[in-house]
Amino acid sequence: PETQNEFYRILDPRFRRMPKDLVLPFLPKKLYSTRYVEMTPKQAKAYETMAEQMVAMTDGGPIIALDNLSKLTRLSQFASAMAEVDENGDVKLTEPSNKVDALVELLEELGQEPAVVFSESRQVIELAAARLTKLGITYTMIVGGQTPDQREKAKDDFQAGKVRTILCTIKAAKEGIT
């Protein structure tokens, strides 16, 4: 308490604090929607065998989970898309992807409305980007590994209406995006 004034004197010029009651009238209403997305038969088979045996057979060979944490990761991946083992032995998500199918469906329903899309997985974001490119739907991305300038440009392009969709990983875009 004895250094509170000094603390605020140093921080206040560097930060802009906006109370919720001041900003909320300017934000659009939240739209809550629950969608249940079915796995493709291929995904469901891989998911089930991973859940039961900690091994899933894919076109690229077997994917093995050695412990429960790995198993949960693989189950999460199979719930989003098919997976393969690449030449380096890494698991890579591939088509078909029920989550990307659902995204495309949602974008069709929205017409030309802009959309912000979040995913925990960068690989799912990359699958979505490939599909949107194929369909001619404009997008930008905010993902890990970008410079602050790249993130700012992606955000500015979306807010200016230059692109219809912004694809974001939760970690990269969880804060500071309006």
N, C-alpha and C. Protein backbone atom coordinates (compact mmCIF):
# COMPACT_ATOMS: atom_id res chain seq x y z
N PRO A 1 0.80 -1.22 0.00
CA PRO A 1 0.00 0.00 0.00
C PRO A 1 0.84 1.28 0.00
N GLU A 2 1.99 1.22 0.66
CA GLU A 2 2.80 2.45 0.75
C GLU A 2 3.43 2.84 -0.60
N THR A 3 3.50 1.92 -1.57
CA THR A 3 4.08 2.26 -2.87
C THR A 3 3.03 2.26 -3.99
N GLN A 4 1.77 2.24 -3.61
CA GLN A 4 0.68 2.17 -4.59
C GLN A 4 0.72 3.34 -5.58
N ASN A 5 0.90 4.55 -5.10
CA ASN A 5 0.92 5.72 -5.98
C ASN A 5 2.08 5.64 -6.97
N GLU A 6 3.23 5.22 -6.50
CA GLU A 6 4.38 5.06 -7.39
C GLU A 6 4.09 4.00 -8.44
N PHE A 7 3.51 2.89 -8.02
CA PHE A 7 3.15 1.79 -8.92
C PHE A 7 2.25 2.30 -10.06
N TYR A 8 1.18 2.99 -9.72
CA TYR A 8 0.25 3.49 -10.73
C TYR A 8 0.87 4.58 -11.60
N ARG A 9 1.76 5.39 -11.03
CA ARG A 9 2.44 6.43 -11.80
C ARG A 9 3.30 5.81 -12.90
N ILE A 10 3.90 4.66 -12.61
CA ILE A 10 4.74 3.97 -13.59
C ILE A 10 3.89 3.22 -14.61
N LEU A 11 2.86 2.51 -14.15
CA LEU A 11 2.06 1.66 -15.05
C LEU A 11 1.02 2.41 -15.87
N ASP A 12 0.34 3.36 -15.30
CA ASP A 12 -0.78 4.01 -15.97
C ASP A 12 -0.45 4.55 -17.37
N PRO A 13 0.71 5.19 -17.57
CA PRO A 13 0.98 5.69 -18.93
C PRO A 13 1.21 4.57 -19.96
N ARG A 14 1.44 3.36 -19.51
CA ARG A 14 1.77 2.25 -20.41
C ARG A 14 0.61 1.31 -20.70
N PHE A 15 -0.47 1.42 -19.97
CA PHE A 15 -1.60 0.51 -20.12
C PHE A 15 -2.89 1.29 -20.27
N ARG A 16 -3.79 0.70 -21.03
CA ARG A 16 -5.12 1.28 -21.18
C ARG A 16 -6.11 0.28 -20.63
N ARG A 17 -6.79 0.64 -19.61
CA ARG A 17 -7.75 -0.24 -18.97
C ARG A 17 -9.15 0.23 -19.31
N MET A 18 -9.97 -0.70 -19.83
CA MET A 18 -11.34 -0.36 -20.20
C MET A 18 -12.29 -1.24 -19.39
N PRO A 19 -13.06 -0.66 -18.49
CA PRO A 19 -14.02 -1.46 -17.73
C PRO A 19 -15.08 -2.06 -18.65
N LYS A 20 -15.57 -3.24 -18.30
CA LYS A 20 -16.54 -3.96 -19.13
C LYS A 20 -17.77 -3.12 -19.44
N ASP A 21 -18.30 -2.42 -18.43
CA ASP A 21 -19.54 -1.67 -18.66
C ASP A 21 -19.35 -0.55 -19.69
N LEU A 22 -18.12 -0.13 -19.92
CA LEU A 22 -17.84 0.90 -20.91
C LEU A 22 -17.76 0.30 -22.31
N VAL A 23 -17.24 -0.90 -22.44
CA VAL A 23 -17.01 -1.51 -23.76
C VAL A 23 -18.16 -2.38 -24.25
N LEU A 24 -18.87 -3.02 -23.34
CA LEU A 24 -19.90 -3.98 -23.75
C LEU A 24 -20.96 -3.42 -24.69
N PRO A 25 -21.40 -2.18 -24.54
CA PRO A 25 -22.40 -1.68 -25.49
C PRO A 25 -21.91 -1.65 -26.94
N PHE A 26 -20.59 -1.64 -27.15
CA PHE A 26 -20.05 -1.56 -28.50
C PHE A 26 -19.76 -2.93 -29.12
N LEU A 27 -19.84 -3.97 -28.31
CA LEU A 27 -19.55 -5.31 -28.81
C LEU A 27 -20.83 -5.97 -29.32
N PRO A 28 -20.69 -6.82 -30.34
CA PRO A 28 -21.89 -7.53 -30.81
C PRO A 28 -22.36 -8.52 -29.75
N LYS A 29 -23.63 -8.88 -29.83
CA LYS A 29 -24.19 -9.87 -28.92
C LYS A 29 -23.52 -11.21 -29.16
N LYS A 30 -23.30 -11.94 -28.07
CA LYS A 30 -22.73 -13.27 -28.20
C LYS A 30 -23.77 -14.22 -28.77
N LEU A 31 -23.33 -15.09 -29.63
CA LEU A 31 -24.19 -16.09 -30.22
C LEU A 31 -23.74 -17.45 -29.72
N TYR A 32 -24.57 -18.11 -28.95
CA TYR A 32 -24.24 -19.42 -28.42
C TYR A 32 -24.92 -20.48 -29.26
N SER A 33 -24.15 -21.46 -29.66
CA SER A 33 -24.69 -22.53 -30.48
C SER A 33 -23.94 -23.81 -30.17
N THR A 34 -24.67 -24.88 -29.95
CA THR A 34 -24.04 -26.17 -29.72
C THR A 34 -24.25 -27.03 -30.96
N ARG A 35 -23.17 -27.55 -31.48
CA ARG A 35 -23.24 -28.41 -32.65
C ARG A 35 -22.55 -29.72 -32.32
N TYR A 36 -23.20 -30.79 -32.66
CA TYR A 36 -22.62 -32.10 -32.47
C TYR A 36 -22.10 -32.56 -33.82
N VAL A 37 -20.84 -32.87 -33.87
CA VAL A 37 -20.19 -33.22 -35.13
C VAL A 37 -19.84 -34.71 -35.09
N GLU A 38 -20.36 -35.43 -36.05
CA GLU A 38 -20.09 -36.87 -36.14
C GLU A 38 -18.74 -37.11 -36.81
N MET A 39 -18.01 -38.08 -36.31
CA MET A 39 -16.77 -38.47 -36.96
C MET A 39 -17.09 -39.24 -38.24
N THR A 40 -16.19 -39.16 -39.20
CA THR A 40 -16.35 -40.00 -40.38
C THR A 40 -16.13 -41.45 -39.94
N PRO A 41 -16.63 -42.43 -40.70
CA PRO A 41 -16.43 -43.83 -40.31
C PRO A 41 -14.95 -44.19 -40.11
N LYS A 42 -14.10 -43.65 -40.96
CA LYS A 42 -12.65 -43.90 -40.86
C LYS A 42 -12.10 -43.34 -39.55
N GLN A 43 -12.50 -42.12 -39.21
CA GLN A 43 -12.07 -41.50 -37.96
C GLN A 43 -12.58 -42.30 -36.76
N ALA A 44 -13.86 -42.67 -36.82
CA ALA A 44 -14.48 -43.37 -35.70
C ALA A 44 -13.78 -44.70 -35.44
N LYS A 45 -13.40 -45.40 -36.49
CA LYS A 45 -12.71 -46.69 -36.32
C LYS A 45 -11.35 -46.46 -35.66
N ALA A 46 -10.60 -45.47 -36.14
CA ALA A 46 -9.29 -45.17 -35.56
C ALA A 46 -9.45 -44.73 -34.10
N TYR A 47 -10.46 -43.92 -33.83
CA TYR A 47 -10.72 -43.44 -32.47
C TYR A 47 -11.02 -44.63 -31.54
N GLU A 48 -11.90 -45.49 -31.97
CA GLU A 48 -12.30 -46.64 -31.13
C GLU A 48 -11.14 -47.57 -30.84
N THR A 49 -10.32 -47.87 -31.86
CA THR A 49 -9.19 -48.78 -31.61
C THR A 49 -8.14 -48.12 -30.73
N MET A 50 -7.98 -46.80 -30.88
CA MET A 50 -7.04 -46.09 -30.00
C MET A 50 -7.56 -46.12 -28.57
N ALA A 51 -8.85 -45.90 -28.40
CA ALA A 51 -9.44 -45.89 -27.06
C ALA A 51 -9.32 -47.26 -26.39
N GLU A 52 -9.52 -48.32 -27.17
CA GLU A 52 -9.52 -49.68 -26.61
C GLU A 52 -8.12 -50.30 -26.50
N GLN A 53 -7.29 -50.07 -27.53
CA GLN A 53 -6.03 -50.81 -27.60
C GLN A 53 -4.78 -49.93 -27.59
N MET A 54 -4.98 -48.61 -27.61
CA MET A 54 -3.87 -47.64 -27.67
C MET A 54 -3.07 -47.76 -28.96
N VAL A 55 -3.70 -48.30 -30.00
CA VAL A 55 -3.10 -48.43 -31.33
C VAL A 55 -4.19 -48.16 -32.36
N ALA A 56 -3.87 -47.40 -33.38
CA ALA A 56 -4.81 -47.17 -34.47
C ALA A 56 -4.09 -47.42 -35.79
N MET A 57 -4.73 -48.16 -36.66
CA MET A 57 -4.17 -48.40 -37.99
C MET A 57 -4.65 -47.30 -38.93
N THR A 58 -3.72 -46.66 -39.62
CA THR A 58 -4.06 -45.62 -40.59
C THR A 58 -3.42 -45.98 -41.92
N ASP A 59 -3.76 -45.22 -42.96
CA ASP A 59 -3.17 -45.47 -44.28
C ASP A 59 -1.65 -45.34 -44.24
N GLY A 60 -1.15 -44.48 -43.35
CA GLY A 60 0.29 -44.26 -43.24
C GLY A 60 0.97 -45.20 -42.26
N GLY A 61 0.23 -46.17 -41.72
CA GLY A 61 0.81 -47.11 -40.77
C GLY A 61 0.19 -46.97 -39.40
N PRO A 62 0.66 -47.75 -38.45
CA PRO A 62 0.07 -47.70 -37.11
C PRO A 62 0.48 -46.46 -36.33
N ILE A 63 -0.45 -45.98 -35.52
CA ILE A 63 -0.16 -44.90 -34.58
C ILE A 63 -0.34 -45.50 -33.20
N ILE A 64 0.71 -45.40 -32.40
CA ILE A 64 0.74 -46.06 -31.09
C ILE A 64 0.82 -45.01 -29.99
N ALA A 65 0.04 -45.21 -28.94
CA ALA A 65 0.13 -44.37 -27.75
C ALA A 65 0.81 -45.19 -26.66
N LEU A 66 1.89 -44.68 -26.13
CA LEU A 66 2.65 -45.42 -25.13
C LEU A 66 2.20 -45.17 -23.70
N ASP A 67 1.43 -44.09 -23.50
CA ASP A 67 0.94 -43.78 -22.15
C ASP A 67 -0.42 -43.11 -22.27
N ASN A 68 -1.07 -42.90 -21.13
CA ASN A 68 -2.43 -42.35 -21.15
C ASN A 68 -2.49 -40.92 -21.69
N LEU A 69 -1.48 -40.11 -21.42
CA LEU A 69 -1.46 -38.75 -21.94
C LEU A 69 -1.38 -38.76 -23.46
N SER A 70 -0.52 -39.61 -24.00
CA SER A 70 -0.42 -39.75 -25.46
C SER A 70 -1.73 -40.25 -26.04
N LYS A 71 -2.35 -41.17 -25.35
CA LYS A 71 -3.63 -41.71 -25.80
C LYS A 71 -4.68 -40.60 -25.88
N LEU A 72 -4.77 -39.77 -24.85
CA LEU A 72 -5.74 -38.68 -24.86
C LEU A 72 -5.46 -37.69 -25.99
N THR A 73 -4.19 -37.42 -26.25
CA THR A 73 -3.83 -36.54 -27.35
C THR A 73 -4.28 -37.14 -28.68
N ARG A 74 -4.01 -38.41 -28.88
CA ARG A 74 -4.40 -39.08 -30.14
C ARG A 74 -5.92 -39.13 -30.28
N LEU A 75 -6.64 -39.37 -29.18
CA LEU A 75 -8.10 -39.38 -29.25
C LEU A 75 -8.63 -38.00 -29.65
N SER A 76 -8.04 -36.96 -29.10
CA SER A 76 -8.43 -35.60 -29.47
C SER A 76 -8.16 -35.35 -30.95
N GLN A 77 -7.02 -35.83 -31.44
CA GLN A 77 -6.70 -35.65 -32.86
C GLN A 77 -7.69 -36.41 -33.74
N PHE A 78 -7.97 -37.67 -33.40
CA PHE A 78 -8.90 -38.46 -34.21
C PHE A 78 -10.32 -37.90 -34.14
N ALA A 79 -10.67 -37.20 -33.08
CA ALA A 79 -11.99 -36.58 -32.99
C ALA A 79 -12.11 -35.39 -33.94
N SER A 80 -10.98 -34.88 -34.44
CA SER A 80 -10.98 -33.72 -35.32
C SER A 80 -10.70 -34.05 -36.77
N ALA A 81 -9.90 -35.09 -37.01
CA ALA A 81 -9.50 -35.41 -38.38
C ALA A 81 -8.83 -36.78 -38.38
N MET A 82 -8.52 -37.25 -39.56
CA MET A 82 -7.71 -38.47 -39.65
C MET A 82 -6.26 -38.09 -39.38
N ALA A 83 -5.45 -39.07 -39.14
CA ALA A 83 -4.04 -38.80 -38.84
C ALA A 83 -3.18 -39.82 -39.55
N GLU A 84 -1.97 -39.44 -39.81
CA GLU A 84 -0.96 -40.31 -40.40
C GLU A 84 0.37 -40.06 -39.71
N VAL A 85 1.27 -41.00 -39.87
CA VAL A 85 2.63 -40.82 -39.39
C VAL A 85 3.46 -40.38 -40.59
N ASP A 86 4.16 -39.24 -40.46
CA ASP A 86 4.97 -38.77 -41.59
C ASP A 86 6.34 -39.45 -41.59
N GLU A 87 7.17 -39.06 -42.54
CA GLU A 87 8.50 -39.69 -42.70
C GLU A 87 9.40 -39.50 -41.50
N ASN A 88 9.13 -38.48 -40.67
CA ASN A 88 9.92 -38.24 -39.46
C ASN A 88 9.38 -38.97 -38.25
N GLY A 89 8.26 -39.69 -38.44
CA GLY A 89 7.65 -40.40 -37.32
C GLY A 89 6.68 -39.55 -36.52
N ASP A 90 6.39 -38.33 -37.00
CA ASP A 90 5.45 -37.45 -36.31
C ASP A 90 4.03 -37.70 -36.79
N VAL A 91 3.06 -37.53 -35.90
CA VAL A 91 1.66 -37.68 -36.26
C VAL A 91 1.18 -36.38 -36.88
N LYS A 92 0.58 -36.48 -38.06
CA LYS A 92 0.09 -35.30 -38.78
C LYS A 92 -1.38 -35.51 -39.12
N LEU A 93 -2.20 -34.49 -38.83
CA LEU A 93 -3.62 -34.57 -39.17
C LEU A 93 -3.82 -34.40 -40.66
N THR A 94 -4.77 -35.17 -41.20
CA THR A 94 -5.05 -35.16 -42.63
C THR A 94 -6.57 -35.17 -42.85
N GLU A 95 -6.96 -34.99 -44.08
CA GLU A 95 -8.37 -35.16 -44.45
C GLU A 95 -8.68 -36.65 -44.43
N PRO A 96 -9.90 -37.04 -44.18
CA PRO A 96 -11.07 -36.21 -43.94
C PRO A 96 -11.06 -35.64 -42.53
N SER A 97 -11.70 -34.46 -42.41
CA SER A 97 -11.82 -33.80 -41.11
C SER A 97 -13.28 -33.40 -40.89
N ASN A 98 -13.90 -34.04 -39.93
CA ASN A 98 -15.28 -33.70 -39.61
C ASN A 98 -15.41 -32.27 -39.09
N LYS A 99 -14.40 -31.79 -38.39
CA LYS A 99 -14.46 -30.43 -37.85
C LYS A 99 -14.37 -29.39 -38.97
N VAL A 100 -13.53 -29.63 -39.96
CA VAL A 100 -13.43 -28.70 -41.08
C VAL A 100 -14.71 -28.76 -41.92
N ASP A 101 -15.28 -29.96 -42.08
CA ASP A 101 -16.57 -30.09 -42.78
C ASP A 101 -17.63 -29.24 -42.07
N ALA A 102 -17.67 -29.32 -40.73
CA ALA A 102 -18.65 -28.56 -39.96
C ALA A 102 -18.40 -27.05 -40.09
N LEU A 103 -17.14 -26.65 -40.14
CA LEU A 103 -16.80 -25.23 -40.32
C LEU A 103 -17.32 -24.73 -41.66
N VAL A 104 -17.09 -25.49 -42.72
CA VAL A 104 -17.54 -25.09 -44.05
C VAL A 104 -19.07 -24.98 -44.07
N GLU A 105 -19.74 -25.92 -43.45
CA GLU A 105 -21.20 -25.89 -43.34
C GLU A 105 -21.66 -24.60 -42.64
N LEU A 106 -21.01 -24.29 -41.54
CA LEU A 106 -21.36 -23.09 -40.78
C LEU A 106 -21.12 -21.83 -41.60
N LEU A 107 -20.01 -21.76 -42.32
CA LEU A 107 -19.72 -20.59 -43.14
C LEU A 107 -20.77 -20.43 -44.24
N GLU A 108 -21.24 -21.55 -44.79
CA GLU A 108 -22.31 -21.49 -45.80
C GLU A 108 -23.58 -20.93 -45.18
N GLU A 109 -23.90 -21.35 -43.96
CA GLU A 109 -25.09 -20.86 -43.26
C GLU A 109 -24.98 -19.36 -42.97
N LEU A 110 -23.78 -18.89 -42.68
CA LEU A 110 -23.59 -17.48 -42.34
C LEU A 110 -23.64 -16.56 -43.54
N GLY A 111 -23.64 -17.12 -44.74
CA GLY A 111 -23.62 -16.28 -45.93
C GLY A 111 -22.29 -15.55 -46.02
N GLN A 112 -22.35 -14.23 -46.09
CA GLN A 112 -21.10 -13.45 -46.18
C GLN A 112 -20.69 -12.83 -44.84
N GLU A 113 -21.36 -13.25 -43.76
CA GLU A 113 -21.00 -12.75 -42.44
C GLU A 113 -19.56 -13.13 -42.10
N PRO A 114 -18.79 -12.23 -41.50
CA PRO A 114 -17.43 -12.59 -41.09
C PRO A 114 -17.48 -13.59 -39.94
N ALA A 115 -16.42 -14.39 -39.82
CA ALA A 115 -16.38 -15.41 -38.77
C ALA A 115 -14.98 -15.48 -38.17
N VAL A 116 -14.96 -15.62 -36.84
CA VAL A 116 -13.72 -15.84 -36.10
C VAL A 116 -13.75 -17.30 -35.67
N VAL A 117 -12.69 -18.04 -36.00
CA VAL A 117 -12.64 -19.48 -35.73
C VAL A 117 -11.45 -19.75 -34.81
N PHE A 118 -11.70 -20.43 -33.70
CA PHE A 118 -10.64 -20.82 -32.78
C PHE A 118 -10.51 -22.33 -32.75
N SER A 119 -9.29 -22.80 -32.61
CA SER A 119 -9.02 -24.22 -32.42
C SER A 119 -7.83 -24.36 -31.48
N GLU A 120 -7.85 -25.41 -30.71
CA GLU A 120 -6.70 -25.73 -29.86
C GLU A 120 -5.52 -26.18 -30.72
N SER A 121 -5.83 -26.79 -31.85
CA SER A 121 -4.82 -27.43 -32.69
C SER A 121 -4.44 -26.59 -33.91
N ARG A 122 -3.16 -26.31 -34.05
CA ARG A 122 -2.69 -25.61 -35.24
C ARG A 122 -2.90 -26.47 -36.48
N GLN A 123 -2.77 -27.78 -36.34
CA GLN A 123 -2.97 -28.65 -37.50
C GLN A 123 -4.40 -28.57 -38.02
N VAL A 124 -5.37 -28.44 -37.13
CA VAL A 124 -6.76 -28.28 -37.56
C VAL A 124 -6.92 -26.94 -38.28
N ILE A 125 -6.28 -25.90 -37.75
CA ILE A 125 -6.32 -24.58 -38.41
C ILE A 125 -5.72 -24.69 -39.81
N GLU A 126 -4.62 -25.40 -39.96
CA GLU A 126 -3.99 -25.54 -41.27
C GLU A 126 -4.86 -26.35 -42.23
N LEU A 127 -5.55 -27.38 -41.72
CA LEU A 127 -6.49 -28.13 -42.56
C LEU A 127 -7.63 -27.21 -43.02
N ALA A 128 -8.13 -26.39 -42.09
CA ALA A 128 -9.20 -25.45 -42.43
C ALA A 128 -8.71 -24.45 -43.48
N ALA A 129 -7.50 -23.94 -43.32
CA ALA A 129 -6.94 -22.98 -44.28
C ALA A 129 -6.85 -23.59 -45.67
N ALA A 130 -6.39 -24.84 -45.75
CA ALA A 130 -6.29 -25.51 -47.05
C ALA A 130 -7.66 -25.65 -47.70
N ARG A 131 -8.66 -26.01 -46.90
CA ARG A 131 -10.01 -26.17 -47.44
C ARG A 131 -10.59 -24.82 -47.88
N LEU A 132 -10.40 -23.77 -47.07
CA LEU A 132 -10.92 -22.46 -47.44
C LEU A 132 -10.25 -21.95 -48.71
N THR A 133 -8.96 -22.20 -48.86
CA THR A 133 -8.26 -21.83 -50.09
C THR A 133 -8.90 -22.53 -51.28
N LYS A 134 -9.13 -23.82 -51.13
CA LYS A 134 -9.74 -24.62 -52.20
C LYS A 134 -11.13 -24.09 -52.58
N LEU A 135 -11.88 -23.61 -51.59
CA LEU A 135 -13.24 -23.12 -51.82
C LEU A 135 -13.28 -21.64 -52.21
N GLY A 136 -12.14 -20.98 -52.17
CA GLY A 136 -12.09 -19.56 -52.53
C GLY A 136 -12.64 -18.64 -51.45
N ILE A 137 -12.62 -19.09 -50.20
CA ILE A 137 -13.08 -18.27 -49.08
C ILE A 137 -11.86 -17.56 -48.50
N THR A 138 -11.92 -16.25 -48.43
CA THR A 138 -10.77 -15.49 -47.95
C THR A 138 -10.62 -15.63 -46.44
N TYR A 139 -9.38 -15.69 -46.01
CA TYR A 139 -9.10 -15.86 -44.58
C TYR A 139 -7.72 -15.31 -44.27
N THR A 140 -7.47 -15.17 -43.00
CA THR A 140 -6.15 -14.89 -42.48
C THR A 140 -6.00 -15.73 -41.22
N MET A 141 -4.80 -15.78 -40.66
CA MET A 141 -4.58 -16.63 -39.50
C MET A 141 -3.78 -15.91 -38.43
N ILE A 142 -4.07 -16.29 -37.18
CA ILE A 142 -3.23 -15.91 -36.05
C ILE A 142 -2.86 -17.21 -35.36
N VAL A 143 -1.58 -17.57 -35.50
CA VAL A 143 -1.07 -18.83 -34.96
C VAL A 143 0.29 -18.59 -34.33
N GLY A 144 0.76 -19.55 -33.59
CA GLY A 144 2.08 -19.43 -32.99
C GLY A 144 3.16 -19.30 -34.05
N GLY A 145 4.26 -18.66 -33.67
CA GLY A 145 5.39 -18.51 -34.59
C GLY A 145 5.32 -17.25 -35.44
N GLN A 146 4.25 -16.47 -35.31
CA GLN A 146 4.15 -15.23 -36.06
C GLN A 146 4.78 -14.08 -35.27
N THR A 147 5.24 -13.10 -36.00
CA THR A 147 5.74 -11.89 -35.33
C THR A 147 4.55 -11.06 -34.88
N PRO A 148 4.75 -10.15 -33.94
CA PRO A 148 3.65 -9.25 -33.55
C PRO A 148 3.08 -8.48 -34.74
N ASP A 149 3.94 -8.09 -35.68
CA ASP A 149 3.47 -7.36 -36.87
C ASP A 149 2.58 -8.24 -37.74
N GLN A 150 2.94 -9.51 -37.89
CA GLN A 150 2.11 -10.43 -38.69
C GLN A 150 0.74 -10.62 -38.03
N ARG A 151 0.73 -10.76 -36.72
CA ARG A 151 -0.55 -10.91 -36.01
C ARG A 151 -1.40 -9.66 -36.16
N GLU A 152 -0.76 -8.51 -36.03
CA GLU A 152 -1.49 -7.25 -36.13
C GLU A 152 -2.06 -7.08 -37.54
N LYS A 153 -1.29 -7.45 -38.56
CA LYS A 153 -1.79 -7.36 -39.94
C LYS A 153 -2.97 -8.29 -40.15
N ALA A 154 -2.88 -9.52 -39.62
CA ALA A 154 -4.00 -10.47 -39.75
C ALA A 154 -5.25 -9.89 -39.10
N LYS A 155 -5.10 -9.35 -37.90
CA LYS A 155 -6.23 -8.76 -37.19
C LYS A 155 -6.79 -7.56 -37.95
N ASP A 156 -5.91 -6.69 -38.42
CA ASP A 156 -6.35 -5.50 -39.16
C ASP A 156 -7.06 -5.87 -40.45
N ASP A 157 -6.54 -6.86 -41.18
CA ASP A 157 -7.17 -7.30 -42.44
C ASP A 157 -8.58 -7.83 -42.18
N PHE A 158 -8.73 -8.58 -41.10
CA PHE A 158 -10.06 -9.11 -40.77
C PHE A 158 -11.00 -7.98 -40.37
N GLN A 159 -10.54 -7.10 -39.50
CA GLN A 159 -11.41 -6.01 -39.03
C GLN A 159 -11.77 -5.03 -40.15
N ALA A 160 -10.88 -4.89 -41.14
CA ALA A 160 -11.16 -4.00 -42.26
C ALA A 160 -12.03 -4.66 -43.32
N GLY A 161 -12.34 -5.93 -43.15
CA GLY A 161 -13.19 -6.63 -44.12
C GLY A 161 -12.45 -7.12 -45.34
N LYS A 162 -11.11 -7.12 -45.30
CA LYS A 162 -10.34 -7.61 -46.44
C LYS A 162 -10.43 -9.12 -46.58
N VAL A 163 -10.69 -9.81 -45.48
CA VAL A 163 -10.89 -11.26 -45.48
C VAL A 163 -12.16 -11.57 -44.70
N ARG A 164 -12.78 -12.67 -45.03
CA ARG A 164 -14.05 -13.02 -44.40
C ARG A 164 -13.88 -13.76 -43.08
N THR A 165 -12.79 -14.52 -42.98
CA THR A 165 -12.61 -15.41 -41.84
C THR A 165 -11.22 -15.23 -41.25
N ILE A 166 -11.14 -15.31 -39.94
CA ILE A 166 -9.83 -15.33 -39.28
C ILE A 166 -9.75 -16.63 -38.49
N LEU A 167 -8.72 -17.40 -38.78
CA LEU A 167 -8.48 -18.69 -38.14
C LEU A 167 -7.42 -18.50 -37.06
N CYS A 168 -7.73 -18.91 -35.83
CA CYS A 168 -6.83 -18.63 -34.72
C CYS A 168 -6.61 -19.88 -33.86
N THR A 169 -5.38 -20.04 -33.40
CA THR A 169 -5.17 -21.01 -32.33
C THR A 169 -5.46 -20.31 -31.03
N ILE A 170 -5.97 -21.05 -30.07
CA ILE A 170 -6.35 -20.45 -28.80
C ILE A 170 -5.15 -19.81 -28.11
N LYS A 171 -4.02 -20.50 -28.11
CA LYS A 171 -2.84 -19.96 -27.43
C LYS A 171 -2.37 -18.65 -28.05
N ALA A 172 -2.37 -18.59 -29.38
CA ALA A 172 -1.82 -17.42 -30.04
C ALA A 172 -2.74 -16.20 -29.99
N ALA A 173 -4.06 -16.43 -29.92
CA ALA A 173 -4.99 -15.31 -30.04
C ALA A 173 -5.90 -15.15 -28.82
N LYS A 174 -5.50 -15.74 -27.71
CA LYS A 174 -6.40 -15.70 -26.55
C LYS A 174 -6.47 -14.32 -25.89
N GLU A 175 -5.51 -13.49 -26.10
CA GLU A 175 -5.49 -12.18 -25.46
C GLU A 175 -5.15 -11.09 -26.47
N GLY A 176 -5.71 -9.93 -26.26
CA GLY A 176 -5.34 -8.77 -27.06
C GLY A 176 -5.98 -8.72 -28.43
N ILE A 177 -6.95 -9.56 -28.71
CA ILE A 177 -7.62 -9.54 -30.00
C ILE A 177 -9.02 -8.98 -29.78
N THR A 178 -9.34 -7.94 -30.54
CA THR A 178 -10.70 -7.37 -30.44
C THR A 178 -11.46 -7.68 -31.71
